[in-house]
PDB file of N, CA and C in Angstrom:
ATOM      1  N   ALA A   1      -7.598   3.044  -6.381  1.00  0.00           N
ATOM      2  CA  ALA A   1      -8.259   2.710  -6.633  1.00  0.00           C
ATOM      3  C   ALA A   1      -9.540   4.181  -7.200  1.00  0.00           C
ATOM      4  N   ALA A   2     -10.017   4.403  -6.398  1.00  0.00           N
ATOM      5  CA  ALA A   2     -10.755   5.690  -6.363  1.00  0.00           C
ATOM      6  C   ALA A   2     -10.746   6.225  -7.539  1.00  0.00           C
ATOM      7  N   SER A   3      -9.389   6.960  -7.941  1.00  0.00           N
ATOM      8  CA  SER A   3      -9.248   7.772  -8.814  1.00  0.00           C
ATOM      9  C   SER A   3      -8.958   7.264 -10.205  1.00  0.00           C
ATOM     10  N   GLY A   4      -8.210   5.891 -10.129  1.00  0.00           N
ATOM     11  CA  GLY A   4      -8.232   5.389 -11.372  1.00  0.00           C
ATOM     12  C   GLY A   4      -6.898   6.022 -11.572  1.00  0.00           C
ATOM     13  N   ALA A   5      -5.986   6.292 -10.849  1.00  0.00           N
ATOM     14  CA  ALA A   5      -5.044   6.629 -11.721  1.00  0.00           C
ATOM     15  C   ALA A   5      -4.181   4.920 -12.030  1.00  0.00           C
ATOM     16  N   MET A   6      -3.010   5.416 -13.062  1.00  0.00           N
ATOM     17  CA  MET A   6      -1.757   4.086 -13.335  1.00  0.00           C
ATOM     18  C   MET A   6      -0.504   4.620 -14.113  1.00  0.00           C
ATOM     19  N   ALA A   7       0.401   4.130 -13.065  1.00  0.00           N
ATOM     20  CA  ALA A   7       1.411   4.815 -13.650  1.00  0.00           C
ATOM     21  C   ALA A   7       2.393   3.361 -14.395  1.00  0.00           C
ATOM     22  N   VAL A   8       3.239   3.047 -15.331  1.00  0.00           N
ATOM     23  CA  VAL A   8       3.518   2.062 -15.078  1.00  0.00           C
ATOM     24  C   VAL A   8       5.360   2.268 -15.700  1.00  0.00           C
ATOM     25  N   TYR A   9       5.955   1.304 -14.910  1.00  0.00           N
ATOM     26  CA  TYR A   9       7.051   2.286 -14.541  1.00  0.00           C
ATOM     27  C   TYR A   9       7.887   0.412 -14.927  1.00  0.00           C
ATOM     28  N   ILE A  10       9.186   0.410 -15.722  1.00  0.00           N
ATOM     29  CA  ILE A  10      10.279   0.195 -16.592  1.00  0.00           C
ATOM     30  C   ILE A  10      11.202   0.481 -15.797  1.00  0.00           C
ATOM     31  N   ASP A  11      11.924  -0.359 -15.352  1.00  0.00           N
ATOM     32  CA  ASP A  11      13.360  -0.382 -14.687  1.00  0.00           C
ATOM     33  C   ASP A  11      13.631   1.259 -14.144  1.00  0.00           C
ATOM     34  N   GLY A  12      12.913   1.070 -13.486  1.00  0.00           N
ATOM     35  CA  GLY A  12      12.583   2.446 -12.616  1.00  0.00           C
ATOM     36  C   GLY A  12      11.993   3.791 -13.309  1.00  0.00           C
ATOM     37  N   THR A  13      12.033   3.729 -14.392  1.00  0.00           N
ATOM     38  CA  THR A  13      11.607   4.743 -14.962  1.00  0.00           C
ATOM     39  C   THR A  13      10.505   4.784 -15.613  1.00  0.00           C
ATOM     40  N   GLN A  14       8.938   6.160 -15.299  1.00  0.00           N
ATOM     41  CA  GLN A  14       7.773   5.702 -15.645  1.00  0.00           C
ATOM     42  C   GLN A  14       7.413   6.640 -17.323  1.00  0.00           C
ATOM     43  N   THR A  15       6.732   5.230 -17.873  1.00  0.00           N
ATOM     44  CA  THR A  15       7.065   4.765 -19.292  1.00  0.00           C
ATOM     45  C   THR A  15       5.240   5.090 -19.798  1.00  0.00           C
ATOM     46  N   VAL A  16       4.071   5.371 -19.209  1.00  0.00           N
ATOM     47  CA  VAL A  16       2.946   5.420 -19.297  1.00  0.00           C
ATOM     48  C   VAL A  16       2.404   5.941 -17.773  1.00  0.00           C
ATOM     49  N   SER A  17       1.544   6.182 -17.595  1.00  0.00           N
ATOM     50  CA  SER A  17       0.484   6.927 -17.029  1.00  0.00           C
ATOM     51  C   SER A  17      -1.222   7.251 -17.788  1.00  0.00           C
ATOM     52  N   GLY A  18      -1.716   7.251 -16.703  1.00  0.00           N
ATOM     53  CA  GLY A  18      -3.022   7.681 -17.163  1.00  0.00           C
ATOM     54  C   GLY A  18      -4.148   7.265 -16.372  1.00  0.00           C
ATOM     55  N   THR A  19      -5.460   7.469 -16.610  1.00  0.00           N
ATOM     56  CA  THR A  19      -6.737   6.542 -16.015  1.00  0.00           C
ATOM     57  C   THR A  19      -6.892   5.234 -15.974  1.00  0.00           C
ATOM     58  N   TYR A  20      -7.727   4.324 -15.214  1.00  0.00           N
ATOM     59  CA  TYR A  20      -7.779   3.004 -16.042  1.00  0.00           C
ATOM     60  C   TYR A  20      -8.876   2.901 -14.893  1.00  0.00           C
ATOM     61  N   GLU A  21     -10.663   2.228 -15.037  1.00  0.00           N
ATOM     62  CA  GLU A  21     -11.607   1.671 -14.065  1.00  0.00           C
ATOM     63  C   GLU A  21     -11.258   0.325 -14.373  1.00  0.00           C
ATOM     64  N   LEU A  22     -10.128  -0.083 -12.612  1.00  0.00           N
ATOM     65  CA  LEU A  22     -10.633  -1.245 -12.469  1.00  0.00           C
ATOM     66  C   LEU A  22     -11.743  -1.466 -11.458  1.00  0.00           C
ATOM     67  N   GLY A  23     -11.288  -0.474 -10.555  1.00  0.00           N
ATOM     68  CA  GLY A  23     -11.674  -1.225  -9.388  1.00  0.00           C
ATOM     69  C   GLY A  23     -10.981  -0.966  -8.697  1.00  0.00           C
ATOM     70  N   ASN A  24     -11.141  -1.619  -6.698  1.00  0.00           N
ATOM     71  CA  ASN A  24     -10.383  -2.030  -6.052  1.00  0.00           C
ATOM     72  C   ASN A  24      -9.716  -3.961  -6.662  1.00  0.00           C
ATOM     73  N   VAL A  25      -8.760  -4.336  -6.335  1.00  0.00           N
ATOM     74  CA  VAL A  25      -7.656  -5.297  -5.990  1.00  0.00           C
ATOM     75  C   VAL A  25      -8.614  -6.158  -4.739  1.00  0.00           C
ATOM     76  N   ASN A  26      -7.967  -7.383  -5.133  1.00  0.00           N
ATOM     77  CA  ASN A  26      -9.026  -8.357  -3.955  1.00  0.00           C
ATOM     78  C   ASN A  26      -7.983  -9.608  -4.204  1.00  0.00           C
ATOM     79  N   LEU A  27      -7.257  -9.778  -2.923  1.00  0.00           N
ATOM     80  CA  LEU A  27      -6.616 -11.399  -3.623  1.00  0.00           C
ATOM     81  C   LEU A  27      -7.518 -12.109  -3.349  1.00  0.00           C
ATOM     82  N   LEU A  28      -8.525 -12.255  -3.049  1.00  0.00           N
ATOM     83  CA  LEU A  28      -9.512 -13.687  -3.119  1.00  0.00           C
ATOM     84  C   LEU A  28     -10.813 -12.786  -4.223  1.00  0.00           C
ATOM     85  N   GLN A  29     -10.433 -12.480  -4.539  1.00  0.00           N
ATOM     86  CA  GLN A  29     -12.024 -12.039  -5.624  1.00  0.00           C
ATOM     87  C   GLN A  29     -12.049 -13.088  -6.565  1.00  0.00           C
ATOM     88  N   THR A  30     -13.479 -13.054  -6.855  1.00  0.00           N
ATOM     89  CA  THR A  30     -13.726 -14.111  -7.500  1.00  0.00           C
ATOM     90  C   THR A  30     -13.263 -13.472  -9.180  1.00  0.00           C
ATOM     91  N   SER A  31     -12.697 -14.271  -9.976  1.00  0.00           N
ATOM     92  CA  SER A  31     -12.345 -14.177 -11.256  1.00  0.00           C
ATOM     93  C   SER A  31     -12.418 -14.849 -12.126  1.00  0.00           C
ATOM     94  N   TRP A  32     -13.142 -14.511 -13.876  1.00  0.00           N
ATOM     95  CA  TRP A  32     -13.871 -15.249 -14.568  1.00  0.00           C
ATOM     96  C   TRP A  32     -12.887 -15.896 -15.914  1.00  0.00           C
ATOM     97  N   THR A  33     -12.589 -17.438 -16.474  1.00  0.00           N
ATOM     98  CA  THR A  33     -11.888 -18.150 -16.170  1.00  0.00           C
ATOM     99  C   THR A  33     -13.030 -18.475 -17.624  1.00  0.00           C
ATOM    100  N   GLU A  34     -12.513 -19.177 -18.387  1.00  0.00           N
ATOM    101  CA  GLU A  34     -13.246 -20.565 -19.982  1.00  0.00           C
ATOM    102  C   GLU A  34     -13.951 -20.732 -19.363  1.00  0.00           C
ATOM    103  N   GLU A  35     -13.560 -21.674 -17.849  1.00  0.00           N
ATOM    104  CA  GLU A  35     -14.254 -22.738 -17.455  1.00  0.00           C
ATOM    105  C   GLU A  35     -15.646 -21.950 -16.707  1.00  0.00           C
ATOM    106  N   GLY A  36     -15.274 -20.722 -16.044  1.00  0.00           N
ATOM    107  CA  GLY A  36     -16.503 -20.110 -14.960  1.00  0.00           C
ATOM    108  C   GLY A  36     -16.037 -19.692 -14.458  1.00  0.00           C
ATOM    109  N   ALA A  37     -16.511 -19.170 -13.476  1.00  0.00           N
ATOM    110  CA  ALA A  37     -16.190 -18.545 -12.303  1.00  0.00           C
ATOM    111  C   ALA A  37     -15.415 -19.181 -11.153  1.00  0.00           C
ATOM    112  N   THR A  38     -14.425 -18.162 -10.775  1.00  0.00           N
ATOM    113  CA  THR A  38     -13.324 -19.080 -10.216  1.00  0.00           C
ATOM    114  C   THR A  38     -12.995 -18.173  -8.425  1.00  0.00           C
ATOM    115  N   ASN A  39     -12.621 -18.623  -7.586  1.00  0.00           N
ATOM    116  CA  ASN A  39     -12.040 -17.734  -6.640  1.00  0.00           C
ATOM    117  C   ASN A  39     -11.116 -18.054  -6.406  1.00  0.00           C
ATOM    118  N   THR A  40     -10.122 -17.319  -6.962  1.00  0.00           N
ATOM    119  CA  THR A  40      -8.785 -17.278  -7.547  1.00  0.00           C
ATOM    120  C   THR A  40      -7.843 -15.777  -7.868  1.00  0.00           C
ATOM    121  N   PHE A  41      -6.834 -15.591  -6.944  1.00  0.00           N
ATOM    122  CA  PHE A  41      -5.850 -14.597  -8.031  1.00  0.00           C
ATOM    123  C   PHE A  41      -4.634 -15.158  -8.689  1.00  0.00           C
ATOM    124  N   HIS A  42      -4.614 -14.984  -9.365  1.00  0.00           N
ATOM    125  CA  HIS A  42      -3.992 -15.674 -10.543  1.00  0.00           C
ATOM    126  C   HIS A  42      -1.884 -14.682 -10.727  1.00  0.00           C
ATOM    127  N   ILE A  43      -1.523 -15.006 -11.180  1.00  0.00           N
ATOM    128  CA  ILE A  43      -0.115 -13.844 -11.252  1.00  0.00           C
ATOM    129  C   ILE A  43       0.400 -14.976 -12.675  1.00  0.00           C
ATOM    130  N   GLY A  44       0.598 -14.592 -13.885  1.00  0.00           N
ATOM    131  CA  GLY A  44       0.659 -14.832 -14.779  1.00  0.00           C
ATOM    132  C   GLY A  44       0.173 -15.611 -15.577  1.00  0.00           C
ATOM    133  N   LYS A  45      -1.215 -15.599 -15.479  1.00  0.00           N
ATOM    134  CA  LYS A  45      -2.019 -16.410 -16.336  1.00  0.00           C
ATOM    135  C   LYS A  45      -3.012 -15.309 -16.708  1.00  0.00           C
ATOM    136  N   SER A  46      -3.604 -15.781 -17.932  1.00  0.00           N
ATOM    137  CA  SER A  46      -4.607 -15.740 -18.374  1.00  0.00           C
ATOM    138  C   SER A  46      -6.355 -15.662 -18.351  1.00  0.00           C
ATOM    139  N   TYR A  47      -7.408 -14.852 -18.188  1.00  0.00           N
ATOM    140  CA  TYR A  47      -8.915 -15.685 -18.463  1.00  0.00           C
ATOM    141  C   TYR A  47      -8.692 -16.598 -20.117  1.00  0.00           C
ATOM    142  N   ASN A  48      -7.558 -16.196 -20.244  1.00  0.00           N
ATOM    143  CA  ASN A  48      -7.865 -17.326 -22.258  1.00  0.00           C
ATOM    144  C   ASN A  48      -6.709 -18.255 -21.367  1.00  0.00           C
ATOM    145  N   THR A  49      -6.707 -19.342 -21.856  1.00  0.00           N
ATOM    146  CA  THR A  49      -5.625 -20.644 -22.101  1.00  0.00           C
ATOM    147  C   THR A  49      -4.922 -20.602 -22.840  1.00  0.00           C
ATOM    148  N   THR A  50      -5.337 -20.165 -24.003  1.00  0.00           N
ATOM    149  CA  THR A  50      -4.007 -20.382 -24.861  1.00  0.00           C
ATOM    150  C   THR A  50      -3.087 -18.967 -24.870  1.00  0.00           C
ATOM    151  N   ARG A  51      -3.204 -17.484 -23.295  1.00  0.00           N
ATOM    152  CA  ARG A  51      -2.598 -16.466 -23.631  1.00  0.00           C
ATOM    153  C   ARG A  51      -1.896 -17.143 -22.499  1.00  0.00           C
ATOM    154  N   TRP A  52      -0.155 -16.761 -21.860  1.00  0.00           N
ATOM    155  CA  TRP A  52       0.663 -16.974 -20.606  1.00  0.00           C
ATOM    156  C   TRP A  52       1.507 -16.190 -20.845  1.00  0.00           C
ATOM    157  N   PHE A  53       2.406 -16.134 -19.951  1.00  0.00           N
ATOM    158  CA  PHE A  53       3.107 -14.985 -19.760  1.00  0.00           C
ATOM    159  C   PHE A  53       4.553 -15.852 -20.127  1.00  0.00           C
ATOM    160  N   ASN A  54       5.368 -15.242 -20.677  1.00  0.00           N
ATOM    161  CA  ASN A  54       6.181 -15.352 -21.393  1.00  0.00           C
ATOM    162  C   ASN A  54       7.976 -15.101 -21.183  1.00  0.00           C
ATOM    163  N   GLY A  55       7.924 -15.588 -20.063  1.00  0.00           N
ATOM    164  CA  GLY A  55       9.584 -15.009 -19.200  1.00  0.00           C
ATOM    165  C   GLY A  55       9.759 -15.347 -18.131  1.00  0.00           C
ATOM    166  N   ALA A  56      10.215 -14.554 -16.701  1.00  0.00           N
ATOM    167  CA  ALA A  56      10.776 -15.143 -15.570  1.00  0.00           C
ATOM    168  C   ALA A  56      10.473 -14.182 -14.355  1.00  0.00           C
ATOM    169  N   MET A  57      10.181 -14.280 -13.553  1.00  0.00           N
ATOM    170  CA  MET A  57       9.451 -13.240 -12.008  1.00  0.00           C
ATOM    171  C   MET A  57      10.551 -14.170 -11.336  1.00  0.00           C
ATOM    172  N   SER A  58      11.206 -12.862 -10.930  1.00  0.00           N
ATOM    173  CA  SER A  58      11.919 -13.416  -9.304  1.00  0.00           C
ATOM    174  C   SER A  58      11.023 -12.724  -8.158  1.00  0.00           C
ATOM    175  N   GLU A  59      10.677 -11.786  -8.036  1.00  0.00           N
ATOM    176  CA  GLU A  59       9.385 -11.700  -7.532  1.00  0.00           C
ATOM    177  C   GLU A  59       8.108 -10.990  -6.956  1.00  0.00           C
ATOM    178  N   VAL A  60       7.095 -11.207  -6.741  1.00  0.00           N
ATOM    179  CA  VAL A  60       6.387  -9.916  -6.919  1.00  0.00           C
ATOM    180  C   VAL A  60       5.617  -9.299  -5.635  1.00  0.00           C
ATOM    181  N   ARG A  61       5.114  -7.902  -5.273  1.00  0.00           N
ATOM    182  CA  ARG A  61       4.822  -7.358  -4.256  1.00  0.00           C
ATOM    183  C   ARG A  61       3.698  -6.741  -4.908  1.00  0.00           C
ATOM    184  N   ILE A  62       2.643  -6.681  -4.071  1.00  0.00           N
ATOM    185  CA  ILE A  62       1.364  -6.307  -4.086  1.00  0.00           C
ATOM    186  C   ILE A  62       0.735  -4.717  -2.918  1.00  0.00           C
ATOM    187  N   TRP A  63       1.071  -3.656  -3.271  1.00  0.00           N
ATOM    188  CA  TRP A  63       0.871  -2.629  -2.172  1.00  0.00           C
ATOM    189  C   TRP A  63      -0.648  -2.274  -2.223  1.00  0.00           C
ATOM    190  N   SER A  64      -0.946  -1.452  -1.367  1.00  0.00           N
ATOM    191  CA  SER A  64      -2.663  -1.034  -0.919  1.00  0.00           C
ATOM    192  C   SER A  64      -2.734   0.721  -1.284  1.00  0.00           C
ATOM    193  N   ARG A  65      -1.092   1.197  -1.929  1.00  0.00           N
ATOM    194  CA  ARG A  65      -1.189   2.258  -1.861  1.00  0.00           C
ATOM    195  C   ARG A  65      -0.606   2.504  -3.414  1.00  0.00           C
ATOM    196  N   ALA A  66       0.066   3.293  -3.805  1.00  0.00           N
ATOM    197  CA  ALA A  66       0.667   3.613  -5.183  1.00  0.00           C
ATOM    198  C   ALA A  66       1.752   3.883  -4.290  1.00  0.00           C
ATOM    199  N   LEU A  67       3.733   3.794  -5.082  1.00  0.00           N
ATOM    200  CA  LEU A  67       4.647   4.231  -4.758  1.00  0.00           C
ATOM    201  C   LEU A  67       4.366   5.413  -5.277  1.00  0.00           C
ATOM    202  N   THR A  68       5.769   6.374  -5.196  1.00  0.00           N
ATOM    203  CA  THR A  68       6.357   7.288  -5.394  1.00  0.00           C
ATOM    204  C   THR A  68       7.084   7.049  -6.462  1.00  0.00           C
ATOM    205  N   THR A  69       7.390   7.874  -6.834  1.00  0.00           N
ATOM    206  CA  THR A  69       8.839   7.914  -7.739  1.00  0.00           C
ATOM    207  C   THR A  69       9.764   7.169  -6.878  1.00  0.00           C
ATOM    208  N   GLU A  70      10.017   8.084  -6.151  1.00  0.00           N
ATOM    209  CA  GLU A  70      10.697   8.593  -5.241  1.00  0.00           C
ATOM    210  C   GLU A  70      11.353   6.269  -4.421  1.00  0.00           C
ATOM    211  N   GLU A  71      10.000   6.267  -4.059  1.00  0.00           N
ATOM    212  CA  GLU A  71      10.370   5.143  -3.367  1.00  0.00           C
ATOM    213  C   GLU A  71      10.873   3.654  -4.534  1.00  0.00           C
ATOM    214  N   ILE A  72      10.095   3.450  -5.493  1.00  0.00           N
ATOM    215  CA  ILE A  72      10.436   3.233  -6.297  1.00  0.00           C
ATOM    216  C   ILE A  72      11.998   2.897  -7.783  1.00  0.00           C
ATOM    217  N   ASN A  73      12.304   4.138  -7.763  1.00  0.00           N
ATOM    218  CA  ASN A  73      13.705   4.862  -7.079  1.00  0.00           C
ATOM    219  C   ASN A  73      14.553   4.647  -6.150  1.00  0.00           C
ATOM    220  N   ALA A  74      14.384   4.441  -4.871  1.00  0.00           N
ATOM    221  CA  ALA A  74      15.348   4.181  -3.693  1.00  0.00           C
ATOM    222  C   ALA A  74      15.974   3.276  -4.116  1.00  0.00           C
ATOM    223  N   GLU A  75      17.394   3.626  -3.393  1.00  0.00           N
ATOM    224  CA  GLU A  75      18.467   2.579  -3.720  1.00  0.00           C
ATOM    225  C   GLU A  75      17.695   0.655  -2.411  1.00  0.00           C
ATOM    226  N   GLY A  76      18.321  -0.463  -3.772  1.00  0.00           N
ATOM    227  CA  GLY A  76      17.905  -1.574  -3.290  1.00  0.00           C
ATOM    228  C   GLY A  76      16.386  -1.373  -3.404  1.00  0.00           C
ATOM    229  N   HIS A  77      15.566  -0.863  -3.622  1.00  0.00           N
ATOM    230  CA  HIS A  77      14.139  -0.818  -3.615  1.00  0.00           C
ATOM    231  C   HIS A  77      14.028  -2.847  -4.649  1.00  0.00           C
ATOM    232  N   PHE A  78      14.961  -1.939  -5.728  1.00  0.00           N
ATOM    233  CA  PHE A  78      13.998  -3.801  -6.667  1.00  0.00           C
ATOM    234  C   PHE A  78      15.291  -4.709  -6.024  1.00  0.00           C
ATOM    235  N   TYR A  79      16.030  -5.249  -4.955  1.00  0.00           N
ATOM    236  CA  TYR A  79      16.530  -6.458  -4.447  1.00  0.00           C
ATOM    237  C   TYR A  79      16.233  -6.832  -3.231  1.00  0.00           C
ATOM    238  N   GLY A  80      14.687  -5.735  -2.647  1.00  0.00           N
ATOM    239  CA  GLY A  80      14.228  -6.457  -1.568  1.00  0.00           C
ATOM    240  C   GLY A  80      13.951  -5.218  -0.762  1.00  0.00           C
ATOM    241  N   VAL A  81      13.050  -5.779   0.262  1.00  0.00           N
ATOM    242  CA  VAL A  81      11.979  -5.322   0.960  1.00  0.00           C
ATOM    243  C   VAL A  81      11.701  -5.769   2.534  1.00  0.00           C
ATOM    244  N   ASP A  82      11.956  -4.516   3.602  1.00  0.00           N
ATOM    245  CA  ASP A  82      11.548  -4.614   4.551  1.00  0.00           C
ATOM    246  C   ASP A  82      10.527  -4.786   5.423  1.00  0.00           C
ATOM    247  N   PRO A  83       9.849  -5.917   5.407  1.00  0.00           N
ATOM    248  CA  PRO A  83       7.963  -5.859   5.539  1.00  0.00           C
ATOM    249  C   PRO A  83       7.328  -5.633   6.821  1.00  0.00           C
ATOM    250  N   SER A  84       8.550  -5.544   8.222  1.00  0.00           N
ATOM    251  CA  SER A  84       8.252  -4.892   9.224  1.00  0.00           C
ATOM    252  C   SER A  84       8.509  -3.149   9.066  1.00  0.00           C
ATOM    253  N   THR A  85       8.823  -2.328   8.095  1.00  0.00           N
ATOM    254  CA  THR A  85       9.007  -1.322   7.800  1.00  0.00           C
ATOM    255  C   THR A  85       8.336  -0.195   6.711  1.00  0.00           C
ATOM    256  N   ALA A  86       7.384  -1.050   5.552  1.00  0.00           N
ATOM    257  CA  ALA A  86       7.065  -1.252   4.156  1.00  0.00           C
ATOM    258  C   ALA A  86       5.741  -1.113   4.421  1.00  0.00           C
ATOM    259  N   GLN A  87       4.912   0.918   4.355  1.00  0.00           N
ATOM    260  CA  GLN A  87       4.008   0.994   4.807  1.00  0.00           C
ATOM    261  C   GLN A  87       3.178   0.309   3.649  1.00  0.00           C
ATOM    262  N   GLY A  88       1.582  -0.003   3.294  1.00  0.00           N
ATOM    263  CA  GLY A  88       0.996  -0.787   2.757  1.00  0.00           C
ATOM    264  C   GLY A  88       0.754  -2.023   2.109  1.00  0.00           C
ATOM    265  N   LEU A  89       2.232  -3.068   2.842  1.00  0.00           N
ATOM    266  CA  LEU A  89       2.660  -4.105   1.528  1.00  0.00           C
ATOM    267  C   LEU A  89       1.743  -5.416   1.663  1.00  0.00           C
ATOM    268  N   LEU A  90       0.526  -5.955   0.630  1.00  0.00           N
ATOM    269  CA  LEU A  90      -0.039  -6.477   1.796  1.00  0.00           C
ATOM    270  C   LEU A  90       0.531  -8.075   1.277  1.00  0.00           C
ATOM    271  N   ALA A  91       1.616  -8.144  -0.162  1.00  0.00           N
ATOM    272  CA  ALA A  91       2.268  -9.385  -0.286  1.00  0.00           C
ATOM    273  C   ALA A  91       3.380  -9.206  -0.999  1.00  0.00           C
ATOM    274  N   TYR A  92       4.544 -10.241  -0.246  1.00  0.00           N
ATOM    275  CA  TYR A  92       5.389 -10.297  -0.937  1.00  0.00           C
ATOM    276  C   TYR A  92       5.767 -11.702  -1.368  1.00  0.00           C
ATOM    277  N   TRP A  93       5.668 -11.985  -1.999  1.00  0.00           N
ATOM    278  CA  TRP A  93       6.595 -13.569  -3.158  1.00  0.00           C
ATOM    279  C   TRP A  93       7.660 -13.929  -3.672  1.00  0.00           C
ATOM    280  N   LYS A  94       8.904 -14.052  -3.001  1.00  0.00           N
ATOM    281  CA  LYS A  94      10.076 -14.220  -3.412  1.00  0.00           C
ATOM    282  C   LYS A  94      10.459 -14.981  -4.666  1.00  0.00           C
ATOM    283  N   LEU A  95       9.737 -16.065  -4.669  1.00  0.00           N
ATOM    284  CA  LEU A  95       9.711 -17.050  -5.441  1.00  0.00           C
ATOM    285  C   LEU A  95      10.863 -17.533  -5.884  1.00  0.00           C
ATOM    286  N   ASN A  96      11.678 -17.687  -4.816  1.00  0.00           N
ATOM    287  CA  ASN A  96      12.533 -18.385  -4.798  1.00  0.00           C
ATOM    288  C   ASN A  96      12.884 -20.038  -3.776  1.00  0.00           C
ATOM    289  N   GLY A  97      11.071 -20.006  -3.743  1.00  0.00           N
ATOM    290  CA  GLY A  97      10.579 -21.954  -2.681  1.00  0.00           C
ATOM    291  C   GLY A  97      11.702 -22.739  -4.002  1.00  0.00           C
ATOM    292  N   THR A  98      11.473 -24.052  -2.979  1.00  0.00           N
ATOM    293  CA  THR A  98      11.280 -25.064  -3.876  1.00  0.00           C
ATOM    294  C   THR A  98       9.749 -25.745  -4.254  1.00  0.00           C
ATOM    295  N   GLY A  99       9.269 -26.441  -4.673  1.00  0.00           N
ATOM    296  CA  GLY A  99       7.744 -27.649  -4.832  1.00  0.00           C
ATOM    297  C   GLY A  99       6.627 -26.470  -5.064  1.00  0.00           C
ATOM    298  N   THR A 100       5.910 -26.576  -4.812  1.00  0.00           N
ATOM    299  CA  THR A 100       4.944 -25.578  -5.358  1.00  0.00           C
ATOM    300  C   THR A 100       4.371 -24.214  -4.371  1.00  0.00           C
ATOM    301  N   HIS A 101       4.610 -24.481  -2.554  1.00  0.00           N
ATOM    302  CA  HIS A 101       4.628 -23.706  -1.764  1.00  0.00           C
ATOM    303  C   HIS A 101       5.344 -22.353  -2.328  1.00  0.00           C
ATOM    304  N   VAL A 102       4.277 -21.302  -2.751  1.00  0.00           N
ATOM    305  CA  VAL A 102       5.165 -19.652  -2.103  1.00  0.00           C
ATOM    306  C   VAL A 102       4.760 -19.433  -1.406  1.00  0.00           C
ATOM    307  N   GLU A 103       5.807 -18.499  -0.736  1.00  0.00           N
ATOM    308  CA  GLU A 103       5.665 -17.750   0.549  1.00  0.00           C
ATOM    309  C   GLU A 103       5.160 -16.696   0.405  1.00  0.00           C
ATOM    310  N   ASP A 104       4.414 -16.135   1.431  1.00  0.00           N
ATOM    311  CA  ASP A 104       4.011 -14.547   1.478  1.00  0.00           C
ATOM    312  C   ASP A 104       5.311 -14.014   2.332  1.00  0.00           C
ATOM    313  N   TYR A 105       5.908 -13.803   2.094  1.00  0.00           N
ATOM    314  CA  TYR A 105       7.016 -13.028   3.309  1.00  0.00           C
ATOM    315  C   TYR A 105       6.815 -11.486   3.703  1.00  0.00           C
ATOM    316  N   SER A 106       5.468 -11.203   3.771  1.00  0.00           N
ATOM    317  CA  SER A 106       5.141  -9.873   4.156  1.00  0.00           C
ATOM    318  C   SER A 106       4.532  -9.908   5.523  1.00  0.00           C
ATOM    319  N   GLY A 107       4.153 -11.102   5.900  1.00  0.00           N
ATOM    320  CA  GLY A 107       3.726 -11.038   6.990  1.00  0.00           C
ATOM    321  C   GLY A 107       1.894 -11.463   7.153  1.00  0.00           C
ATOM    322  N   ASN A 108       1.567 -10.596   5.669  1.00  0.00           N
ATOM    323  CA  ASN A 108       0.255 -11.348   6.085  1.00  0.00           C
ATOM    324  C   ASN A 108      -0.315 -13.047   6.142  1.00  0.00           C
ATOM    325  N   GLY A 109       0.260 -13.478   5.578  1.00  0.00           N
ATOM    326  CA  GLY A 109      -0.576 -15.200   5.152  1.00  0.00           C
ATOM    327  C   GLY A 109      -1.091 -15.789   3.487  1.00  0.00           C
ATOM    328  N   ASN A 110      -0.741 -14.253   3.205  1.00  0.00           N
ATOM    329  CA  ASN A 110      -0.652 -14.699   1.575  1.00  0.00           C
ATOM    330  C   ASN A 110      -0.310 -15.296   0.566  1.00  0.00           C
ATOM    331  N   HIS A 111       0.242 -16.902   1.278  1.00  0.00           N
ATOM    332  CA  HIS A 111       0.295 -17.986   0.802  1.00  0.00           C
ATOM    333  C   HIS A 111       0.007 -18.314  -0.596  1.00  0.00           C
ATOM    334  N   GLY A 112       1.013 -18.789  -1.194  1.00  0.00           N
ATOM    335  CA  GLY A 112      -0.038 -18.928  -3.119  1.00  0.00           C
ATOM    336  C   GLY A 112       1.131 -20.665  -2.974  1.00  0.00           C
ATOM    337  N   THR A 113      -0.188 -21.254  -4.106  1.00  0.00           N
ATOM    338  CA  THR A 113       0.823 -21.876  -4.817  1.00  0.00           C
ATOM    339  C   THR A 113       1.700 -22.260  -6.866  1.00  0.00           C
ATOM    340  N   ALA A 114       2.485 -22.990  -6.527  1.00  0.00           N
ATOM    341  CA  ALA A 114       2.535 -22.992  -8.158  1.00  0.00           C
ATOM    342  C   ALA A 114       1.624 -23.586  -8.946  1.00  0.00           C
ATOM    343  N   GLU A 115       2.033 -23.251 -10.207  1.00  0.00           N
ATOM    344  CA  GLU A 115       1.357 -24.753 -10.789  1.00  0.00           C
ATOM    345  C   GLU A 115       1.973 -25.724 -10.964  1.00  0.00           C
ATOM    346  N   LYS A 116       3.145 -25.147 -11.304  1.00  0.00           N
ATOM    347  CA  LYS A 116       4.524 -25.975 -11.523  1.00  0.00           C
ATOM    348  C   LYS A 116       5.318 -25.901 -10.259  1.00  0.00           C
ATOM    349  N   ALA A 117       6.193 -26.668 -10.529  1.00  0.00           N
ATOM    350  CA  ALA A 117       7.393 -26.890  -8.696  1.00  0.00           C
ATOM    351  C   ALA A 117       8.296 -26.043  -9.756  1.00  0.00           C
ATOM    352  N   PHE A 118       9.137 -25.205  -8.705  1.00  0.00           N
ATOM    353  CA  PHE A 118      10.120 -24.590  -8.938  1.00  0.00           C
ATOM    354  C   PHE A 118      11.317 -24.811  -9.180  1.00  0.00           C
TER     355      PHE A 118
END
């Protein structure tokens, strides 16, 4: 966040890089919606209710550091991560549960709630 460095990888290939000034990401940071401020973090939701994520996610990981190209392309990286050895892993949602509970497998307790049941 301090440098503003940003890189986007699609299927392990860096497609975009540059700088972007958003600051630090905080899972409990207040976000703004059309209805006003909320103290929640959302994945696949926009500030505008007419916009949505039109796709499917198999898992989501949040890191406190930027991963290197080598780490992103390491064998097996796309299929899982060992939370006990993953330096900087803040949240790891496999999105393979049932109901609306979203388990955080990082060991950091950042569990979530799905808007709709799996």
